[in-house]
Amino acid sequence: MAVLGVGGDCTKQIRRDQAMTKKKSPIGNPGALLALAASLVVLSCGMARASVASTKPPLKPITVNLRDKAALRNGALYTLHMCTACHSLQGARYSSLPHMLGMSKSEFEAIIGTNGHHYHDTITTSMPPAIIEAFAKIPPPDLTDIARRRSPAWLFTYLTSFYVDPSRPSGVNNVVFNNVAMPDVFAPLQGLQKPRMIEGLRYGSPAKVAVGVLPLTKGSMTPAQFDRTARDIVEFLYAVAHPHQQERARLGPWIIGLFVVLSILTYLIYKLYWRRVGTSEERWWRVGK
C-alpha cells in the first residue's frame, strides 16, 4: 500500500509538471516579444526627443523674388564685399553673376568687381589661410551650402537677430543659432540689440531662451532699411544656391501643358482604337485561324 501511495504521488507530480510545461511563457511568445520591443523603441525615442527638445524662436517671414534685379544687385554688393571677407561662395563663379543680376560684364566689373580674382574664378574667401588658422582654426562654412540647407526665413532671421552677450568670445549671440561663433559684422549698420528672453528648454533642460531682439543702440541704417538689406542678401544667396530656379519656373508651365496635351491625345487614340476593336466582326484573337 505504501508503494502504491508513493506511485500515486509521483504520478500526480508528473501530471502537474506536464501541465506547467504546456503553458506558454510570455517570453517565448513572438507577439509578446514584438510588443515589448516596440514599447522599448517608443520609450527610447521619447527619451531621446525629450533630451534634445529645445524652445524654437519664431522665424521672420520673407518672400523671395528672383525677378527683382535691383535687390539681387544690392545683395551681391554686400555679400561680395562683406561676407566673402570670411566665407566662400564656391557654388558660383564671378562670370555667372552678370546674367543673374541683369548686368553686362563691364557693368559688373565696374560696380561690383571680383575682389582681385579672375573673372572666371569661383568665389572664394579673401581671408588668407594663415589668418584662418590663427583666429578661426577651421574655415568658415561655404555660403552656398548654408543657403541650400537653411530656409530663406531662417537666413533672414539669423542676419537680423544678433544680440549682445558678454559671455561669448565675440561678445554677441544669435536668436536662431545659440552660441554662434560669427561676430556681428552688421552692428555698424543695424546697431546693437538686446535679447528678449523667456523660460524654455535647451536640450531638454530648463533655461532662458532668446526668442527675439530689442534695439539697444542705433546704426547707420533705420530698421526698415536694414531689413531690406538683409532681405536682399538672402535673395542673392538663394539665387546662387538655386541657379536654375528662374529657368525652372519659366519652363514648368510649358512642360505641364505638354503633358496635358499628350494625355488628351493618348486618351483619344485609346478610345478610337477600342471602338474599332469593339465593332469589328473579326477580333484580333481570331486572326489567322
C-alpha atoms as a PDB file:
ATOM      1  CA  MET A   1       0.000   0.000   0.000  1.00  0.00           C
ATOM      2  CA  ALA A   2       2.881   2.300   0.748  1.00  0.00           C
ATOM      3  CA  VAL A   3       4.327   1.609  -2.674  1.00  0.00           C
ATOM      4  CA  LEU A   4       1.029   2.397  -4.321  1.00  0.00           C
ATOM      5  CA  GLY A   5       0.771   5.649  -2.366  1.00  0.00           C
ATOM      6  CA  VAL A   6       4.231   6.714  -3.427  1.00  0.00           C
ATOM      7  CA  GLY A   7       3.452   5.811  -7.022  1.00  0.00           C
ATOM      8  CA  GLY A   8       0.229   7.809  -6.927  1.00  0.00           C
ATOM      9  CA  ASP A   9       2.049  10.887  -5.589  1.00  0.00           C
ATOM     10  CA  CYS A  10       4.689  10.593  -8.296  1.00  0.00           C
ATOM     11  CA  THR A  11       2.005  10.328 -10.968  1.00  0.00           C
ATOM     12  CA  LYS A  12       0.293  13.488  -9.689  1.00  0.00           C
ATOM     13  CA  GLN A  13       3.601  15.369  -9.610  1.00  0.00           C
ATOM     14  CA  ILE A  14       4.383  14.299 -13.175  1.00  0.00           C
ATOM     15  CA  ARG A  15       0.962  15.463 -14.340  1.00  0.00           C
ATOM     16  CA  ARG A  16       1.445  18.854 -12.629  1.00  0.00           C
ATOM     17  CA  ASP A  17       4.840  19.255 -14.306  1.00  0.00           C
ATOM     18  CA  GLN A  18       3.360  18.412 -17.700  1.00  0.00           C
ATOM     19  CA  ALA A  19       0.529  20.919 -17.197  1.00  0.00           C
ATOM     20  CA  MET A  20       3.019  23.660 -16.311  1.00  0.00           C
ATOM     21  CA  THR A  21       5.194  22.947 -19.344  1.00  0.00           C
ATOM     22  CA  LYS A  22       2.140  23.158 -21.610  1.00  0.00           C
ATOM     23  CA  LYS A  23       1.537  26.779 -20.521  1.00  0.00           C
ATOM     24  CA  LYS A  24       3.160  29.236 -22.934  1.00  0.00           C
ATOM     25  CA  SER A  25       5.649  31.607 -21.393  1.00  0.00           C
ATOM     26  CA  PRO A  26       5.238  35.223 -22.422  1.00  0.00           C
ATOM     27  CA  ILE A  27       8.981  35.327 -23.158  1.00  0.00           C
ATOM     28  CA  GLY A  28       8.612  32.605 -25.760  1.00  0.00           C
ATOM     29  CA  ASN A  29       5.577  34.281 -27.341  1.00  0.00           C
ATOM     30  CA  PRO A  30       6.669  36.114 -30.536  1.00  0.00           C
ATOM     31  CA  GLY A  31       3.785  38.575 -30.240  1.00  0.00           C
ATOM     32  CA  ALA A  32       4.753  39.491 -26.694  1.00  0.00           C
ATOM     33  CA  LEU A  33       8.391  39.927 -27.706  1.00  0.00           C
ATOM     34  CA  LEU A  34       7.378  42.184 -30.602  1.00  0.00           C
ATOM     35  CA  ALA A  35       5.160  44.309 -28.361  1.00  0.00           C
ATOM     36  CA  LEU A  36       7.947  44.562 -25.782  1.00  0.00           C
ATOM     37  CA  ALA A  37      10.479  45.620 -28.443  1.00  0.00           C
ATOM     38  CA  ALA A  38       8.070  48.212 -29.873  1.00  0.00           C
ATOM     39  CA  SER A  39       7.414  49.692 -26.439  1.00  0.00           C
ATOM     40  CA  LEU A  40      11.154  49.913 -25.764  1.00  0.00           C
ATOM     41  CA  VAL A  41      11.729  51.673 -29.087  1.00  0.00           C
ATOM     42  CA  VAL A  42       8.927  54.165 -28.424  1.00  0.00           C
ATOM     43  CA  LEU A  43      10.227  54.775 -24.914  1.00  0.00           C
ATOM     44  CA  SER A  44      13.808  55.323 -26.108  1.00  0.00           C
ATOM     45  CA  CYS A  45      12.651  57.660 -28.884  1.00  0.00           C
ATOM     46  CA  GLY A  46      10.592  59.632 -26.406  1.00  0.00           C
ATOM     47  CA  MET A  47      13.531  59.914 -24.024  1.00  0.00           C
ATOM     48  CA  ALA A  48      15.863  60.959 -26.847  1.00  0.00           C
ATOM     49  CA  ARG A  49      13.354  63.538 -28.065  1.00  0.00           C
ATOM     50  CA  ALA A  50      12.946  64.886 -24.572  1.00  0.00           C
ATOM     51  CA  SER A  51      16.724  65.082 -24.082  1.00  0.00           C
ATOM     52  CA  VAL A  52      17.212  67.272 -27.191  1.00  0.00           C
ATOM     53  CA  ALA A  53      13.973  69.258 -27.018  1.00  0.00           C
ATOM     54  CA  SER A  54      14.601  72.986 -27.279  1.00  0.00           C
ATOM     55  CA  THR A  55      12.374  76.020 -27.457  1.00  0.00           C
ATOM     56  CA  LYS A  56      12.484  77.284 -31.029  1.00  0.00           C
ATOM     57  CA  PRO A  57      12.103  81.004 -31.657  1.00  0.00           C
ATOM     58  CA  PRO A  58       9.681  82.147 -34.372  1.00  0.00           C
ATOM     59  CA  LEU A  59      11.158  82.855 -37.799  1.00  0.00           C
ATOM     60  CA  LYS A  60      10.551  86.122 -39.586  1.00  0.00           C
ATOM     61  CA  PRO A  61       8.590  85.631 -42.822  1.00  0.00           C
ATOM     62  CA  ILE A  62      10.193  86.548 -46.120  1.00  0.00           C
ATOM     63  CA  THR A  63       9.153  86.278 -49.767  1.00  0.00           C
ATOM     64  CA  VAL A  64      11.958  85.676 -52.268  1.00  0.00           C
ATOM     65  CA  ASN A  65      11.550  87.498 -55.585  1.00  0.00           C
ATOM     66  CA  LEU A  66      14.281  86.488 -58.028  1.00  0.00           C
ATOM     67  CA  ARG A  67      12.900  88.845 -60.688  1.00  0.00           C
ATOM     68  CA  ASP A  68      13.873  91.889 -58.616  1.00  0.00           C
ATOM     69  CA  LYS A  69      17.249  92.578 -60.222  1.00  0.00           C
ATOM     70  CA  ALA A  70      17.879  95.699 -58.140  1.00  0.00           C
ATOM     71  CA  ALA A  71      17.522  93.666 -54.930  1.00  0.00           C
ATOM     72  CA  LEU A  72      19.822  90.943 -56.284  1.00  0.00           C
ATOM     73  CA  ARG A  73      22.453  93.541 -57.238  1.00  0.00           C
ATOM     74  CA  ASN A  74      22.273  95.129 -53.782  1.00  0.00           C
ATOM     75  CA  GLY A  75      22.551  91.700 -52.133  1.00  0.00           C
ATOM     76  CA  ALA A  76      25.516  90.794 -54.329  1.00  0.00           C
ATOM     77  CA  LEU A  77      27.254  94.042 -53.411  1.00  0.00           C
ATOM     78  CA  TYR A  78      27.015  93.397 -49.673  1.00  0.00           C
ATOM     79  CA  THR A  79      27.750  89.673 -49.951  1.00  0.00           C
ATOM     80  CA  LEU A  80      30.842  90.010 -52.131  1.00  0.00           C
ATOM     81  CA  HIS A  81      32.303  92.927 -50.177  1.00  0.00           C
ATOM     82  CA  MET A  82      31.398  91.904 -46.612  1.00  0.00           C
ATOM     83  CA  CYS A  83      30.531  88.218 -46.317  1.00  0.00           C
ATOM     84  CA  THR A  84      33.374  86.935 -48.512  1.00  0.00           C
ATOM     85  CA  ALA A  85      35.872  88.530 -46.153  1.00  0.00           C
ATOM     86  CA  CYS A  86      35.492  85.268 -44.197  1.00  0.00           C
ATOM     87  CA  HIS A  87      33.154  82.996 -46.177  1.00  0.00           C
ATOM     88  CA  SER A  88      33.464  81.488 -49.625  1.00  0.00           C
ATOM     89  CA  LEU A  89      30.663  81.149 -52.164  1.00  0.00           C
ATOM     90  CA  GLN A  90      32.026  78.417 -54.390  1.00  0.00           C
ATOM     91  CA  GLY A  91      28.645  77.474 -55.821  1.00  0.00           C
ATOM     92  CA  ALA A  92      29.100  80.290 -58.322  1.00  0.00           C
ATOM     93  CA  ARG A  93      31.750  81.928 -60.469  1.00  0.00           C
ATOM     94  CA  TYR A  94      32.095  85.644 -60.951  1.00  0.00           C
ATOM     95  CA  SER A  95      31.363  85.108 -64.642  1.00  0.00           C
ATOM     96  CA  SER A  96      27.942  83.605 -63.837  1.00  0.00           C
ATOM     97  CA  LEU A  97      26.746  86.612 -61.836  1.00  0.00           C
ATOM     98  CA  PRO A  98      26.221  89.303 -64.531  1.00  0.00           C
ATOM     99  CA  HIS A  99      23.478  87.302 -66.251  1.00  0.00           C
ATOM    100  CA  MET A 100      21.826  86.561 -62.897  1.00  0.00           C
ATOM    101  CA  LEU A 101      21.973  90.223 -61.884  1.00  0.00           C
ATOM    102  CA  GLY A 102      20.856  91.615 -65.239  1.00  0.00           C
ATOM    103  CA  MET A 103      24.180  93.350 -65.878  1.00  0.00           C
ATOM    104  CA  SER A 104      26.811  93.333 -68.576  1.00  0.00           C
ATOM    105  CA  LYS A 105      30.352  92.181 -67.872  1.00  0.00           C
ATOM    106  CA  SER A 106      31.690  95.740 -67.912  1.00  0.00           C
ATOM    107  CA  GLU A 107      28.943  96.954 -65.556  1.00  0.00           C
ATOM    108  CA  PHE A 108      29.598  94.089 -63.171  1.00  0.00           C
ATOM    109  CA  GLU A 109      33.335  94.731 -63.050  1.00  0.00           C
ATOM    110  CA  ALA A 110      32.847  98.477 -62.615  1.00  0.00           C
ATOM    111  CA  ILE A 111      30.114  98.386 -59.932  1.00  0.00           C
ATOM    112  CA  ILE A 112      30.662  95.135 -58.003  1.00  0.00           C
ATOM    113  CA  GLY A 113      34.042  93.775 -59.087  1.00  0.00           C
ATOM    114  CA  THR A 114      35.839  90.493 -58.422  1.00  0.00           C
ATOM    115  CA  ASN A 115      37.895  91.436 -55.322  1.00  0.00           C
ATOM    116  CA  GLY A 116      41.141  90.919 -57.208  1.00  0.00           C
ATOM    117  CA  HIS A 117      40.197  87.471 -58.528  1.00  0.00           C
ATOM    118  CA  HIS A 118      39.975  86.432 -62.151  1.00  0.00           C
ATOM    119  CA  TYR A 119      36.622  86.856 -63.842  1.00  0.00           C
ATOM    120  CA  HIS A 120      36.099  83.104 -64.329  1.00  0.00           C
ATOM    121  CA  ASP A 121      37.246  82.081 -60.804  1.00  0.00           C
ATOM    122  CA  THR A 122      34.918  80.619 -58.228  1.00  0.00           C
ATOM    123  CA  ILE A 123      34.041  82.991 -55.407  1.00  0.00           C
ATOM    124  CA  THR A 124      36.418  82.249 -52.535  1.00  0.00           C
ATOM    125  CA  THR A 125      37.145  83.993 -49.264  1.00  0.00           C
ATOM    126  CA  SER A 126      39.519  86.936 -49.152  1.00  0.00           C
ATOM    127  CA  MET A 127      40.934  85.818 -45.798  1.00  0.00           C
ATOM    128  CA  PRO A 128      44.459  84.364 -46.073  1.00  0.00           C
ATOM    129  CA  PRO A 129      44.860  80.779 -44.819  1.00  0.00           C
ATOM    130  CA  ALA A 130      47.325  81.910 -42.120  1.00  0.00           C
ATOM    131  CA  ILE A 131      44.739  84.233 -40.562  1.00  0.00           C
ATOM    132  CA  ILE A 132      42.079  81.498 -40.712  1.00  0.00           C
ATOM    133  CA  GLU A 133      44.430  79.125 -38.889  1.00  0.00           C
ATOM    134  CA  ALA A 134      45.356  81.740 -36.279  1.00  0.00           C
ATOM    135  CA  PHE A 135      41.899  83.081 -35.431  1.00  0.00           C
ATOM    136  CA  ALA A 136      39.226  80.698 -36.697  1.00  0.00           C
ATOM    137  CA  LYS A 137      41.161  77.379 -36.640  1.00  0.00           C
ATOM    138  CA  ILE A 138      38.740  75.993 -39.241  1.00  0.00           C
ATOM    139  CA  PRO A 139      37.472  77.681 -42.415  1.00  0.00           C
ATOM    140  CA  PRO A 140      34.045  79.324 -42.051  1.00  0.00           C
ATOM    141  CA  PRO A 141      31.299  77.395 -43.875  1.00  0.00           C
ATOM    142  CA  ASP A 142      30.608  77.983 -47.540  1.00  0.00           C
ATOM    143  CA  LEU A 143      27.565  80.217 -48.011  1.00  0.00           C
ATOM    144  CA  THR A 144      26.285  78.105 -50.904  1.00  0.00           C
ATOM    145  CA  ASP A 145      25.900  75.119 -48.579  1.00  0.00           C
ATOM    146  CA  ILE A 146      24.280  77.272 -45.897  1.00  0.00           C
ATOM    147  CA  ALA A 147      21.755  78.722 -48.367  1.00  0.00           C
ATOM    148  CA  ARG A 148      20.858  75.214 -49.576  1.00  0.00           C
ATOM    149  CA  ARG A 149      20.454  73.751 -46.103  1.00  0.00           C
ATOM    150  CA  ARG A 150      18.585  76.642 -44.495  1.00  0.00           C
ATOM    151  CA  SER A 151      15.297  78.223 -45.491  1.00  0.00           C
ATOM    152  CA  PRO A 152      15.121  81.899 -46.555  1.00  0.00           C
ATOM    153  CA  ALA A 153      13.115  82.660 -43.398  1.00  0.00           C
ATOM    154  CA  TRP A 154      15.857  81.141 -41.217  1.00  0.00           C
ATOM    155  CA  LEU A 155      18.598  83.103 -43.022  1.00  0.00           C
ATOM    156  CA  PHE A 156      16.655  86.363 -42.757  1.00  0.00           C
ATOM    157  CA  THR A 157      16.007  85.822 -39.043  1.00  0.00           C
ATOM    158  CA  TYR A 158      19.664  84.900 -38.494  1.00  0.00           C
ATOM    159  CA  LEU A 159      21.005  88.060 -40.167  1.00  0.00           C
ATOM    160  CA  THR A 160      18.686  90.332 -38.190  1.00  0.00           C
ATOM    161  CA  SER A 161      18.827  88.636 -34.761  1.00  0.00           C
ATOM    162  CA  PHE A 162      22.290  89.161 -33.306  1.00  0.00           C
ATOM    163  CA  TYR A 163      22.263  90.411 -29.725  1.00  0.00           C
ATOM    164  CA  VAL A 164      24.813  91.435 -27.102  1.00  0.00           C
ATOM    165  CA  ASP A 165      26.054  88.535 -24.947  1.00  0.00           C
ATOM    166  CA  PRO A 166      29.140  89.291 -22.801  1.00  0.00           C
ATOM    167  CA  SER A 167      29.599  85.580 -22.045  1.00  0.00           C
ATOM    168  CA  ARG A 168      30.520  84.806 -25.652  1.00  0.00           C
ATOM    169  CA  PRO A 169      34.094  85.274 -27.021  1.00  0.00           C
ATOM    170  CA  SER A 170      32.804  87.530 -29.804  1.00  0.00           C
ATOM    171  CA  GLY A 171      30.541  89.434 -27.407  1.00  0.00           C
ATOM    172  CA  VAL A 172      27.357  88.521 -29.300  1.00  0.00           C
ATOM    173  CA  ASN A 173      24.946  85.638 -29.706  1.00  0.00           C
ATOM    174  CA  ASN A 174      22.094  84.831 -32.070  1.00  0.00           C
ATOM    175  CA  VAL A 175      18.436  84.008 -31.578  1.00  0.00           C
ATOM    176  CA  VAL A 176      18.265  81.108 -34.048  1.00  0.00           C
ATOM    177  CA  PHE A 177      21.878  79.919 -33.629  1.00  0.00           C
ATOM    178  CA  ASN A 178      22.765  79.670 -29.970  1.00  0.00           C
ATOM    179  CA  ASN A 179      26.467  80.088 -29.134  1.00  0.00           C
ATOM    180  CA  VAL A 180      27.249  81.264 -32.638  1.00  0.00           C
ATOM    181  CA  ALA A 181      30.929  81.876 -33.383  1.00  0.00           C
ATOM    182  CA  MET A 182      30.349  84.559 -36.023  1.00  0.00           C
ATOM    183  CA  PRO A 183      30.777  88.169 -34.832  1.00  0.00           C
ATOM    184  CA  ASP A 184      28.073  90.743 -35.524  1.00  0.00           C
ATOM    185  CA  VAL A 185      29.569  92.301 -38.651  1.00  0.00           C
ATOM    186  CA  PHE A 186      26.299  94.157 -39.295  1.00  0.00           C
ATOM    187  CA  ALA A 187      26.376  96.054 -35.975  1.00  0.00           C
ATOM    188  CA  PRO A 188      27.568  99.320 -37.611  1.00  0.00           C
ATOM    189  CA  LEU A 189      24.577  99.149 -39.972  1.00  0.00           C
ATOM    190  CA  GLN A 190      21.895  97.786 -37.653  1.00  0.00           C
ATOM    191  CA  GLY A 191      23.135  98.862 -34.267  1.00  0.00           C
ATOM    192  CA  LEU A 192      23.393  96.727 -31.144  1.00  0.00           C
ATOM    193  CA  GLN A 193      20.444  94.711 -29.837  1.00  0.00           C
ATOM    194  CA  LYS A 194      19.454  93.037 -26.583  1.00  0.00           C
ATOM    195  CA  PRO A 195      17.625  89.710 -26.325  1.00  0.00           C
ATOM    196  CA  ARG A 196      14.009  89.130 -25.405  1.00  0.00           C
ATOM    197  CA  MET A 197      14.213  86.104 -23.109  1.00  0.00           C
ATOM    198  CA  ILE A 198      11.596  83.611 -21.927  1.00  0.00           C
ATOM    199  CA  GLU A 199      11.702  80.490 -19.763  1.00  0.00           C
ATOM    200  CA  GLY A 200      12.026  77.497 -22.066  1.00  0.00           C
ATOM    201  CA  LEU A 201      14.034  74.378 -22.814  1.00  0.00           C
ATOM    202  CA  ARG A 202      17.502  73.933 -24.217  1.00  0.00           C
ATOM    203  CA  TYR A 203      18.443  70.323 -24.973  1.00  0.00           C
ATOM    204  CA  GLY A 204      15.787  69.109 -22.566  1.00  0.00           C
ATOM    205  CA  SER A 205      16.870  71.274 -19.610  1.00  0.00           C
ATOM    206  CA  PRO A 206      15.062  74.389 -18.344  1.00  0.00           C
ATOM    207  CA  ALA A 207      16.849  77.550 -19.435  1.00  0.00           C
ATOM    208  CA  LYS A 208      16.274  81.125 -20.506  1.00  0.00           C
ATOM    209  CA  VAL A 209      15.898  81.189 -24.282  1.00  0.00           C
ATOM    210  CA  ALA A 210      16.086  84.205 -26.584  1.00  0.00           C
ATOM    211  CA  VAL A 211      13.045  84.394 -28.858  1.00  0.00           C
ATOM    212  CA  GLY A 212      13.556  87.879 -30.245  1.00  0.00           C
ATOM    213  CA  VAL A 213      15.608  91.057 -30.055  1.00  0.00           C
ATOM    214  CA  LEU A 214      15.035  94.632 -28.954  1.00  0.00           C
ATOM    215  CA  PRO A 215      17.015  97.684 -30.126  1.00  0.00           C
ATOM    216  CA  LEU A 216      19.836  98.839 -27.855  1.00  0.00           C
ATOM    217  CA  THR A 217      21.738 101.374 -29.976  1.00  0.00           C
ATOM    218  CA  LYS A 218      21.167 102.905 -33.389  1.00  0.00           C
ATOM    219  CA  GLY A 219      23.123 102.036 -36.516  1.00  0.00           C
ATOM    220  CA  SER A 220      23.730 103.892 -39.746  1.00  0.00           C
ATOM    221  CA  MET A 221      20.504 102.404 -41.199  1.00  0.00           C
ATOM    222  CA  THR A 222      16.951 102.540 -39.976  1.00  0.00           C
ATOM    223  CA  PRO A 223      15.371  99.191 -39.007  1.00  0.00           C
ATOM    224  CA  ALA A 224      13.380  99.147 -42.256  1.00  0.00           C
ATOM    225  CA  GLN A 225      16.482  99.875 -44.340  1.00  0.00           C
ATOM    226  CA  PHE A 226      18.497  97.145 -42.670  1.00  0.00           C
ATOM    227  CA  ASP A 227      15.672  94.628 -43.035  1.00  0.00           C
ATOM    228  CA  ARG A 228      15.576  95.473 -46.746  1.00  0.00           C
ATOM    229  CA  THR A 229      19.350  94.969 -46.998  1.00  0.00           C
ATOM    230  CA  ALA A 230      19.191  91.638 -45.147  1.00  0.00           C
ATOM    231  CA  ARG A 231      16.338  90.540 -47.430  1.00  0.00           C
ATOM    232  CA  ASP A 232      18.442  91.452 -50.494  1.00  0.00           C
ATOM    233  CA  ILE A 233      21.359  89.372 -49.172  1.00  0.00           C
ATOM    234  CA  VAL A 234      19.074  86.392 -48.592  1.00  0.00           C
ATOM    235  CA  GLU A 235      17.615  86.687 -52.097  1.00  0.00           C
ATOM    236  CA  PHE A 236      21.092  86.797 -53.642  1.00  0.00           C
ATOM    237  CA  LEU A 237      22.262  83.768 -51.640  1.00  0.00           C
ATOM    238  CA  TYR A 238      19.114  81.884 -52.615  1.00  0.00           C
ATOM    239  CA  ALA A 239      19.693  82.748 -56.284  1.00  0.00           C
ATOM    240  CA  VAL A 240      23.280  81.476 -56.103  1.00  0.00           C
ATOM    241  CA  ALA A 241      22.259  78.281 -54.270  1.00  0.00           C
ATOM    242  CA  HIS A 242      19.441  77.626 -56.798  1.00  0.00           C
ATOM    243  CA  PRO A 243      20.869  78.931 -60.093  1.00  0.00           C
ATOM    244  CA  HIS A 244      18.202  77.266 -62.262  1.00  0.00           C
ATOM    245  CA  GLN A 245      15.215  78.331 -60.178  1.00  0.00           C
ATOM    246  CA  GLN A 246      14.084  81.032 -62.611  1.00  0.00           C
ATOM    247  CA  GLU A 247      14.524  78.750 -65.620  1.00  0.00           C
ATOM    248  CA  ARG A 248      12.509  76.007 -63.907  1.00  0.00           C
ATOM    249  CA  ALA A 249       9.760  78.473 -63.084  1.00  0.00           C
ATOM    250  CA  ARG A 250       9.679  79.634 -66.703  1.00  0.00           C
ATOM    251  CA  LEU A 251       9.680  76.161 -68.266  1.00  0.00           C
ATOM    252  CA  GLY A 252       7.472  74.452 -65.682  1.00  0.00           C
ATOM    253  CA  PRO A 253       4.056  75.594 -67.040  1.00  0.00           C
ATOM    254  CA  TRP A 254       5.060  74.662 -70.597  1.00  0.00           C
ATOM    255  CA  ILE A 255       6.164  71.178 -69.536  1.00  0.00           C
ATOM    256  CA  ILE A 256       2.936  70.615 -67.611  1.00  0.00           C
ATOM    257  CA  GLY A 257       0.923  71.849 -70.603  1.00  0.00           C
ATOM    258  CA  LEU A 258       2.799  69.444 -72.897  1.00  0.00           C
ATOM    259  CA  PHE A 259       1.956  66.512 -70.628  1.00  0.00           C
ATOM    260  CA  VAL A 260      -1.704  67.571 -70.563  1.00  0.00           C
ATOM    261  CA  VAL A 261      -1.841  67.687 -74.386  1.00  0.00           C
ATOM    262  CA  LEU A 262      -0.112  64.301 -74.674  1.00  0.00           C
ATOM    263  CA  SER A 263      -2.533  62.816 -72.132  1.00  0.00           C
ATOM    264  CA  ILE A 264      -5.538  64.062 -74.139  1.00  0.00           C
ATOM    265  CA  LEU A 265      -4.120  62.711 -77.420  1.00  0.00           C
ATOM    266  CA  THR A 266      -3.318  59.368 -75.780  1.00  0.00           C
ATOM    267  CA  TYR A 267      -6.869  59.102 -74.436  1.00  0.00           C
ATOM    268  CA  LEU A 268      -8.406  59.918 -77.848  1.00  0.00           C
ATOM    269  CA  ILE A 269      -6.216  57.310 -79.564  1.00  0.00           C
ATOM    270  CA  TYR A 270      -7.207  54.770 -76.918  1.00  0.00           C
ATOM    271  CA  LYS A 271     -10.942  55.437 -77.453  1.00  0.00           C
ATOM    272  CA  LEU A 272     -10.585  55.279 -81.266  1.00  0.00           C
ATOM    273  CA  TYR A 273      -8.653  52.013 -81.192  1.00  0.00           C
ATOM    274  CA  TRP A 274     -11.012  50.183 -78.836  1.00  0.00           C
ATOM    275  CA  ARG A 275     -14.123  51.464 -80.643  1.00  0.00           C
ATOM    276  CA  ARG A 276     -12.865  49.838 -83.835  1.00  0.00           C
ATOM    277  CA  VAL A 277     -11.973  46.659 -81.988  1.00  0.00           C
ATOM    278  CA  GLY A 278     -15.404  46.505 -80.360  1.00  0.00           C
ATOM    279  CA  THR A 279     -17.376  46.991 -83.643  1.00  0.00           C
ATOM    280  CA  SER A 280     -15.249  44.759 -85.873  1.00  0.00           C
ATOM    281  CA  GLU A 281     -16.556  41.270 -86.732  1.00  0.00           C
ATOM    282  CA  GLU A 282     -13.031  39.942 -86.897  1.00  0.00           C
ATOM    283  CA  ARG A 283     -11.499  40.026 -83.418  1.00  0.00           C
ATOM    284  CA  TRP A 284      -7.755  40.234 -83.106  1.00  0.00           C
ATOM    285  CA  TRP A 285      -7.574  36.891 -81.299  1.00  0.00           C
ATOM    286  CA  ARG A 286      -9.281  35.171 -84.285  1.00  0.00           C
ATOM    287  CA  VAL A 287      -6.877  36.438 -86.925  1.00  0.00           C
ATOM    288  CA  GLY A 288      -5.003  33.591 -88.651  1.00  0.00           C
ATOM    289  CA  LYS A 289      -7.443  30.884 -87.563  1.00  0.00           C
END
